[in-house]
Amino acid sequence: MIDRTTDPLEAIRIAMKREQEAFDFYYEHAKLFENEGTREMFLFLAKEEAKHKARLQEELDKNYLYEM
């Protein structure tokens, strides 16, 4: 759980883990459907989660390097 006492870097790491879990969920569910439209929707959602995780990683890298 993230609250006011959570270290900002830890909050980003938690968010990245949740984005990965969401990616895994959508990607695995895409495999379950034969309907191309449904499958593509789940793959699109998986790709969006991957983008979110990448953005969080960029922030983590930027903040980490800034503090050095």
N, C-alpha and C. Protein backbone atom coordinates (compact mmCIF):
# COMPACT_ATOMS: atom_id res chain seq x y z
N MET A 1 0.84 -1.17 0.00
CA MET A 1 0.00 0.00 0.00
C MET A 1 0.89 1.24 0.00
N ILE A 2 0.48 2.20 -0.77
CA ILE A 2 1.21 3.47 -0.84
C ILE A 2 0.44 4.49 -0.02
N ASP A 3 1.16 5.20 0.85
CA ASP A 3 0.56 6.28 1.62
C ASP A 3 1.57 7.42 1.75
N ARG A 4 1.28 8.38 2.60
CA ARG A 4 2.15 9.56 2.72
C ARG A 4 3.55 9.24 3.22
N THR A 5 3.69 8.10 3.89
CA THR A 5 5.01 7.75 4.43
C THR A 5 5.86 6.94 3.44
N THR A 6 5.28 6.58 2.31
CA THR A 6 6.01 5.78 1.33
C THR A 6 7.07 6.62 0.63
N ASP A 7 8.26 6.06 0.56
CA ASP A 7 9.34 6.70 -0.17
C ASP A 7 8.94 6.81 -1.64
N PRO A 8 9.16 7.98 -2.27
CA PRO A 8 8.76 8.14 -3.67
C PRO A 8 9.32 7.08 -4.62
N LEU A 9 10.57 6.70 -4.43
CA LEU A 9 11.15 5.67 -5.30
C LEU A 9 10.46 4.33 -5.09
N GLU A 10 10.12 4.02 -3.86
CA GLU A 10 9.40 2.78 -3.59
C GLU A 10 8.01 2.82 -4.21
N ALA A 11 7.37 3.98 -4.18
CA ALA A 11 6.05 4.12 -4.80
C ALA A 11 6.12 3.85 -6.30
N ILE A 12 7.17 4.34 -6.94
CA ILE A 12 7.35 4.08 -8.38
C ILE A 12 7.57 2.60 -8.62
N ARG A 13 8.37 1.97 -7.78
CA ARG A 13 8.61 0.53 -7.93
C ARG A 13 7.31 -0.27 -7.76
N ILE A 14 6.50 0.11 -6.81
CA ILE A 14 5.21 -0.56 -6.59
C ILE A 14 4.32 -0.36 -7.82
N ALA A 15 4.29 0.86 -8.32
CA ALA A 15 3.47 1.14 -9.51
C ALA A 15 3.95 0.32 -10.70
N MET A 16 5.26 0.19 -10.86
CA MET A 16 5.81 -0.60 -11.97
C MET A 16 5.40 -2.07 -11.84
N LYS A 17 5.41 -2.56 -10.63
CA LYS A 17 4.99 -3.95 -10.41
C LYS A 17 3.52 -4.13 -10.80
N ARG A 18 2.70 -3.17 -10.44
CA ARG A 18 1.27 -3.24 -10.79
C ARG A 18 1.06 -3.13 -12.29
N GLU A 19 1.84 -2.30 -12.96
CA GLU A 19 1.74 -2.20 -14.41
C GLU A 19 2.13 -3.53 -15.06
N GLN A 20 3.17 -4.18 -14.53
CA GLN A 20 3.59 -5.48 -15.06
C GLN A 20 2.49 -6.51 -14.86
N GLU A 21 1.87 -6.50 -13.69
CA GLU A 21 0.78 -7.43 -13.43
C GLU A 21 -0.39 -7.20 -14.38
N ALA A 22 -0.70 -5.94 -14.65
CA ALA A 22 -1.78 -5.62 -15.58
C ALA A 22 -1.41 -6.08 -16.99
N PHE A 23 -0.16 -5.84 -17.39
CA PHE A 23 0.30 -6.31 -18.70
C PHE A 23 0.13 -7.82 -18.82
N ASP A 24 0.60 -8.54 -17.81
CA ASP A 24 0.50 -10.00 -17.82
C ASP A 24 -0.96 -10.45 -17.93
N PHE A 25 -1.84 -9.79 -17.20
CA PHE A 25 -3.26 -10.12 -17.23
C PHE A 25 -3.82 -9.97 -18.64
N TYR A 26 -3.61 -8.81 -19.25
CA TYR A 26 -4.16 -8.56 -20.58
C TYR A 26 -3.54 -9.47 -21.63
N TYR A 27 -2.23 -9.67 -21.54
CA TYR A 27 -1.54 -10.49 -22.53
C TYR A 27 -2.01 -11.94 -22.46
N GLU A 28 -2.12 -12.47 -21.26
CA GLU A 28 -2.58 -13.85 -21.10
C GLU A 28 -4.03 -14.00 -21.55
N HIS A 29 -4.85 -13.01 -21.28
CA HIS A 29 -6.25 -13.09 -21.70
C HIS A 29 -6.40 -12.96 -23.21
N ALA A 30 -5.50 -12.26 -23.85
CA ALA A 30 -5.55 -12.14 -25.31
C ALA A 30 -5.43 -13.51 -25.96
N LYS A 31 -4.68 -14.39 -25.33
CA LYS A 31 -4.48 -15.73 -25.87
C LYS A 31 -5.74 -16.60 -25.79
N LEU A 32 -6.68 -16.20 -24.95
CA LEU A 32 -7.87 -17.03 -24.72
C LEU A 32 -8.96 -16.87 -25.77
N PHE A 33 -8.90 -15.79 -26.52
CA PHE A 33 -10.01 -15.47 -27.42
C PHE A 33 -9.66 -15.76 -28.87
N GLU A 34 -10.59 -16.40 -29.54
CA GLU A 34 -10.44 -16.64 -30.97
C GLU A 34 -10.88 -15.43 -31.78
N ASN A 35 -11.80 -14.66 -31.23
CA ASN A 35 -12.29 -13.46 -31.91
C ASN A 35 -11.15 -12.46 -32.03
N GLU A 36 -10.82 -12.12 -33.27
CA GLU A 36 -9.67 -11.23 -33.52
C GLU A 36 -9.83 -9.87 -32.85
N GLY A 37 -11.03 -9.31 -32.90
CA GLY A 37 -11.26 -8.01 -32.30
C GLY A 37 -11.03 -8.01 -30.80
N THR A 38 -11.52 -9.04 -30.14
CA THR A 38 -11.32 -9.16 -28.69
C THR A 38 -9.86 -9.37 -28.37
N ARG A 39 -9.21 -10.24 -29.13
CA ARG A 39 -7.79 -10.50 -28.92
C ARG A 39 -6.97 -9.23 -29.10
N GLU A 40 -7.27 -8.49 -30.16
CA GLU A 40 -6.54 -7.24 -30.43
C GLU A 40 -6.78 -6.21 -29.33
N MET A 41 -7.99 -6.17 -28.79
CA MET A 41 -8.28 -5.24 -27.70
C MET A 41 -7.39 -5.55 -26.49
N PHE A 42 -7.30 -6.84 -26.13
CA PHE A 42 -6.47 -7.20 -24.99
C PHE A 42 -4.99 -6.94 -25.28
N LEU A 43 -4.55 -7.18 -26.49
CA LEU A 43 -3.16 -6.87 -26.83
C LEU A 43 -2.89 -5.38 -26.78
N PHE A 44 -3.86 -4.58 -27.25
CA PHE A 44 -3.71 -3.13 -27.16
C PHE A 44 -3.57 -2.69 -25.70
N LEU A 45 -4.43 -3.23 -24.85
CA LEU A 45 -4.37 -2.88 -23.43
C LEU A 45 -3.03 -3.30 -22.81
N ALA A 46 -2.54 -4.46 -23.21
CA ALA A 46 -1.24 -4.92 -22.71
C ALA A 46 -0.14 -3.95 -23.12
N LYS A 47 -0.18 -3.51 -24.38
CA LYS A 47 0.82 -2.55 -24.86
C LYS A 47 0.76 -1.23 -24.10
N GLU A 48 -0.44 -0.80 -23.76
CA GLU A 48 -0.60 0.44 -22.99
C GLU A 48 0.05 0.29 -21.61
N GLU A 49 -0.16 -0.86 -20.99
CA GLU A 49 0.46 -1.10 -19.68
C GLU A 49 1.98 -1.11 -19.79
N ALA A 50 2.49 -1.67 -20.87
CA ALA A 50 3.94 -1.68 -21.09
C ALA A 50 4.47 -0.25 -21.22
N LYS A 51 3.71 0.60 -21.90
CA LYS A 51 4.11 2.02 -22.03
C LYS A 51 4.13 2.69 -20.66
N HIS A 52 3.11 2.40 -19.85
CA HIS A 52 3.06 3.00 -18.51
C HIS A 52 4.28 2.58 -17.69
N LYS A 53 4.61 1.29 -17.75
CA LYS A 53 5.76 0.80 -17.01
C LYS A 53 7.05 1.47 -17.50
N ALA A 54 7.18 1.61 -18.81
CA ALA A 54 8.37 2.26 -19.38
C ALA A 54 8.47 3.71 -18.91
N ARG A 55 7.33 4.39 -18.86
CA ARG A 55 7.32 5.79 -18.40
C ARG A 55 7.76 5.88 -16.95
N LEU A 56 7.27 4.96 -16.14
CA LEU A 56 7.68 4.93 -14.73
C LEU A 56 9.18 4.64 -14.61
N GLN A 57 9.68 3.74 -15.45
CA GLN A 57 11.11 3.43 -15.44
C GLN A 57 11.92 4.66 -15.81
N GLU A 58 11.45 5.43 -16.77
CA GLU A 58 12.13 6.67 -17.15
C GLU A 58 12.20 7.62 -15.97
N GLU A 59 11.10 7.76 -15.25
CA GLU A 59 11.08 8.63 -14.07
C GLU A 59 12.03 8.11 -13.00
N LEU A 60 12.04 6.82 -12.80
CA LEU A 60 12.94 6.23 -11.81
C LEU A 60 14.38 6.50 -12.20
N ASP A 61 14.71 6.28 -13.46
CA ASP A 61 16.09 6.53 -13.93
C ASP A 61 16.45 8.00 -13.80
N LYS A 62 15.55 8.86 -14.19
CA LYS A 62 15.81 10.31 -14.15
C LYS A 62 16.01 10.77 -12.71
N ASN A 63 15.16 10.34 -11.82
CA ASN A 63 15.29 10.76 -10.42
C ASN A 63 16.50 10.15 -9.75
N TYR A 64 16.81 8.90 -10.09
CA TYR A 64 17.98 8.25 -9.52
C TYR A 64 19.25 8.98 -9.96
N LEU A 65 19.34 9.28 -11.25
CA LEU A 65 20.52 9.96 -11.76
C LEU A 65 20.62 11.39 -11.23
N TYR A 66 19.48 12.03 -11.04
CA TYR A 66 19.45 13.39 -10.52
C TYR A 66 20.02 13.45 -9.11
N GLU A 67 19.75 12.44 -8.31
CA GLU A 67 20.20 12.43 -6.92
C GLU A 67 21.67 12.10 -6.80
N MET A 68 22.29 11.55 -7.86
CA MET A 68 23.70 11.14 -7.76
C MET A 68 24.59 12.32 -7.87
